[in-house]
Amino acid sequence: MTDLKTPWVIELRGEYINPPLKLRVDDRLVLGRADVGIAGPPDVDLTIYQAADYGVSRRHLELKAEKDQLSIMDLNSGNGTLLNGAKLVPEKVYPLKNQDIVHLGRLPVEF
């Protein structure tokens, strides 16, 4: 019997994310910003939201979808990541809940 995964569909909202950004997370997505000349752009490019000005790294954060949980992990970003005001330890997985506020650098995003 095959274990079929239902993808997560999430919405990123915030003062600087307008209109909200809807994402489908089947397995993993990397959020960050593109940079000309750098290989491996992120899956979700936040450049249009002034990501560089807010300290978002090129490969800042990973979203991981599992059957019953969505989680995030800071990818050793230069300016760090906060989850509801608490600084994340890089490379450590944290569960994500509806309406959590995540700061990628200084860019606030509601999930």
C-alpha atoms as a PDB file:
ATOM      1  CA  MET A   1       0.000   0.000   0.000  1.00  0.00           C
ATOM      2  CA  THR A   2       1.366   3.421  -0.949  1.00  0.00           C
ATOM      3  CA  ASP A   3       1.410   6.228   1.591  1.00  0.00           C
ATOM      4  CA  LEU A   4      -0.029   9.191  -0.290  1.00  0.00           C
ATOM      5  CA  LYS A   5       0.893  12.576   1.133  1.00  0.00           C
ATOM      6  CA  THR A   6      -1.505  15.455   1.015  1.00  0.00           C
ATOM      7  CA  PRO A   7       0.394  18.661   0.269  1.00  0.00           C
ATOM      8  CA  TRP A   8       0.250  21.591   2.637  1.00  0.00           C
ATOM      9  CA  VAL A   9      -1.082  24.847   1.238  1.00  0.00           C
ATOM     10  CA  ILE A  10       0.009  27.835   3.265  1.00  0.00           C
ATOM     11  CA  GLU A  11      -0.348  31.565   3.014  1.00  0.00           C
ATOM     12  CA  LEU A  12       2.336  34.081   3.922  1.00  0.00           C
ATOM     13  CA  ARG A  13       0.946  37.421   5.065  1.00  0.00           C
ATOM     14  CA  GLY A  14       2.380  40.602   6.431  1.00  0.00           C
ATOM     15  CA  GLU A  15       2.697  44.325   6.051  1.00  0.00           C
ATOM     16  CA  TYR A  16       5.374  43.815   3.384  1.00  0.00           C
ATOM     17  CA  ILE A  17       3.837  40.684   1.812  1.00  0.00           C
ATOM     18  CA  ASN A  18       0.913  42.206  -0.019  1.00  0.00           C
ATOM     19  CA  PRO A  19      -1.005  40.548  -1.564  1.00  0.00           C
ATOM     20  CA  PRO A  20      -0.534  37.385   0.526  1.00  0.00           C
ATOM     21  CA  LEU A  21       1.652  34.713  -1.029  1.00  0.00           C
ATOM     22  CA  LYS A  22       0.126  31.232  -1.312  1.00  0.00           C
ATOM     23  CA  LEU A  23       2.524  28.291  -1.392  1.00  0.00           C
ATOM     24  CA  ARG A  24       2.110  24.578  -1.900  1.00  0.00           C
ATOM     25  CA  VAL A  25       4.527  22.544   0.204  1.00  0.00           C
ATOM     26  CA  ASP A  26       4.745  18.951  -1.005  1.00  0.00           C
ATOM     27  CA  ASP A  27       8.012  18.128   0.737  1.00  0.00           C
ATOM     28  CA  ARG A  28      10.455  20.990   1.290  1.00  0.00           C
ATOM     29  CA  LEU A  29      10.741  24.598   0.193  1.00  0.00           C
ATOM     30  CA  VAL A  30      13.627  26.993   0.728  1.00  0.00           C
ATOM     31  CA  LEU A  31      12.737  30.656   1.260  1.00  0.00           C
ATOM     32  CA  GLY A  32      15.264  33.370   0.567  1.00  0.00           C
ATOM     33  CA  ARG A  33      16.263  35.819  -2.117  1.00  0.00           C
ATOM     34  CA  ALA A  34      17.860  35.406  -5.500  1.00  0.00           C
ATOM     35  CA  ASP A  35      21.266  36.896  -6.200  1.00  0.00           C
ATOM     36  CA  VAL A  36      22.707  37.198  -9.699  1.00  0.00           C
ATOM     37  CA  GLY A  37      25.787  35.052 -10.081  1.00  0.00           C
ATOM     38  CA  ILE A  38      25.015  32.816  -7.105  1.00  0.00           C
ATOM     39  CA  ALA A  39      24.083  29.234  -7.906  1.00  0.00           C
ATOM     40  CA  GLY A  40      21.125  27.522  -6.274  1.00  0.00           C
ATOM     41  CA  PRO A  41      18.381  30.152  -6.000  1.00  0.00           C
ATOM     42  CA  PRO A  42      15.727  29.543  -3.327  1.00  0.00           C
ATOM     43  CA  ASP A  43      12.479  27.798  -4.185  1.00  0.00           C
ATOM     44  CA  VAL A  44      10.583  30.900  -3.039  1.00  0.00           C
ATOM     45  CA  ASP A  45      12.251  34.190  -3.949  1.00  0.00           C
ATOM     46  CA  LEU A  46      11.294  37.017  -1.575  1.00  0.00           C
ATOM     47  CA  THR A  47      13.339  39.648  -3.447  1.00  0.00           C
ATOM     48  CA  ILE A  48      10.245  41.594  -4.558  1.00  0.00           C
ATOM     49  CA  TYR A  49       9.414  42.196  -0.869  1.00  0.00           C
ATOM     50  CA  GLN A  50      12.697  44.111  -0.340  1.00  0.00           C
ATOM     51  CA  ALA A  51      14.182  40.977   1.221  1.00  0.00           C
ATOM     52  CA  ALA A  52      17.779  42.205   0.913  1.00  0.00           C
ATOM     53  CA  ASP A  53      16.920  45.420   2.778  1.00  0.00           C
ATOM     54  CA  TYR A  54      15.368  43.382   5.606  1.00  0.00           C
ATOM     55  CA  GLY A  55      18.330  41.050   5.999  1.00  0.00           C
ATOM     56  CA  VAL A  56      16.913  37.938   4.342  1.00  0.00           C
ATOM     57  CA  SER A  57      19.676  35.549   3.304  1.00  0.00           C
ATOM     58  CA  ARG A  58      19.884  33.918  -0.113  1.00  0.00           C
ATOM     59  CA  ARG A  59      18.924  30.551   1.404  1.00  0.00           C
ATOM     60  CA  HIS A  60      17.371  31.665   4.674  1.00  0.00           C
ATOM     61  CA  LEU A  61      14.729  29.199   5.842  1.00  0.00           C
ATOM     62  CA  GLU A  62      13.479  25.737   4.974  1.00  0.00           C
ATOM     63  CA  LEU A  63       9.834  24.696   5.249  1.00  0.00           C
ATOM     64  CA  LYS A  64       9.318  20.959   5.621  1.00  0.00           C
ATOM     65  CA  ALA A  65       5.970  19.221   5.207  1.00  0.00           C
ATOM     66  CA  GLU A  66       5.231  16.000   6.982  1.00  0.00           C
ATOM     67  CA  LYS A  67       1.951  14.139   7.216  1.00  0.00           C
ATOM     68  CA  ASP A  68       0.666  15.951  10.300  1.00  0.00           C
ATOM     69  CA  GLN A  69       3.137  18.777  10.862  1.00  0.00           C
ATOM     70  CA  LEU A  70       4.723  21.681   9.020  1.00  0.00           C
ATOM     71  CA  SER A  71       8.111  22.714  10.369  1.00  0.00           C
ATOM     72  CA  ILE A  72      10.783  25.336   9.750  1.00  0.00           C
ATOM     73  CA  MET A  73      14.549  25.383  10.021  1.00  0.00           C
ATOM     74  CA  ASP A  74      16.942  28.324   9.814  1.00  0.00           C
ATOM     75  CA  LEU A  75      19.641  27.528   7.240  1.00  0.00           C
ATOM     76  CA  ASN A  76      22.488  29.353   9.033  1.00  0.00           C
ATOM     77  CA  SER A  77      21.139  32.677   7.809  1.00  0.00           C
ATOM     78  CA  GLY A  78      23.276  35.755   8.310  1.00  0.00           C
ATOM     79  CA  ASN A  79      20.682  37.709  10.297  1.00  0.00           C
ATOM     80  CA  GLY A  80      18.863  34.837  11.981  1.00  0.00           C
ATOM     81  CA  THR A  81      15.236  33.835  12.253  1.00  0.00           C
ATOM     82  CA  LEU A  82      12.708  34.462  15.019  1.00  0.00           C
ATOM     83  CA  LEU A  83       9.625  32.340  15.676  1.00  0.00           C
ATOM     84  CA  ASN A  84       7.060  34.282  17.724  1.00  0.00           C
ATOM     85  CA  GLY A  85       9.903  36.411  19.094  1.00  0.00           C
ATOM     86  CA  ALA A  86      12.252  33.537  20.019  1.00  0.00           C
ATOM     87  CA  LYS A  87      15.535  33.192  18.126  1.00  0.00           C
ATOM     88  CA  LEU A  88      15.892  29.887  16.285  1.00  0.00           C
ATOM     89  CA  VAL A  89      18.997  27.768  16.605  1.00  0.00           C
ATOM     90  CA  PRO A  90      20.334  27.227  13.056  1.00  0.00           C
ATOM     91  CA  GLU A  91      19.840  23.750  11.582  1.00  0.00           C
ATOM     92  CA  LYS A  92      17.290  22.830  14.290  1.00  0.00           C
ATOM     93  CA  VAL A  93      13.723  21.908  13.272  1.00  0.00           C
ATOM     94  CA  TYR A  94      10.800  23.780  14.885  1.00  0.00           C
ATOM     95  CA  PRO A  95       7.075  23.018  14.478  1.00  0.00           C
ATOM     96  CA  LEU A  96       5.043  25.724  12.785  1.00  0.00           C
ATOM     97  CA  LYS A  97       1.441  26.524  13.713  1.00  0.00           C
ATOM     98  CA  ASN A  98      -1.316  28.569  12.145  1.00  0.00           C
ATOM     99  CA  GLN A  99      -0.759  32.322  12.637  1.00  0.00           C
ATOM    100  CA  ASP A 100       2.851  31.956  13.827  1.00  0.00           C
ATOM    101  CA  ILE A 101       4.938  35.066  13.199  1.00  0.00           C
ATOM    102  CA  VAL A 102       8.355  34.395  11.703  1.00  0.00           C
ATOM    103  CA  HIS A 103      10.991  37.075  11.176  1.00  0.00           C
ATOM    104  CA  LEU A 104      13.409  36.252   8.390  1.00  0.00           C
ATOM    105  CA  GLY A 105      16.085  38.710   9.390  1.00  0.00           C
ATOM    106  CA  ARG A 106      13.887  41.765   9.988  1.00  0.00           C
ATOM    107  CA  LEU A 107      11.114  40.729   7.547  1.00  0.00           C
ATOM    108  CA  PRO A 108       8.004  39.751   9.544  1.00  0.00           C
ATOM    109  CA  VAL A 109       5.791  37.077   7.987  1.00  0.00           C
ATOM    110  CA  GLU A 110       2.633  35.473   9.368  1.00  0.00           C
ATOM    111  CA  PHE A 111       2.118  31.845   8.361  1.00  0.00           C
END
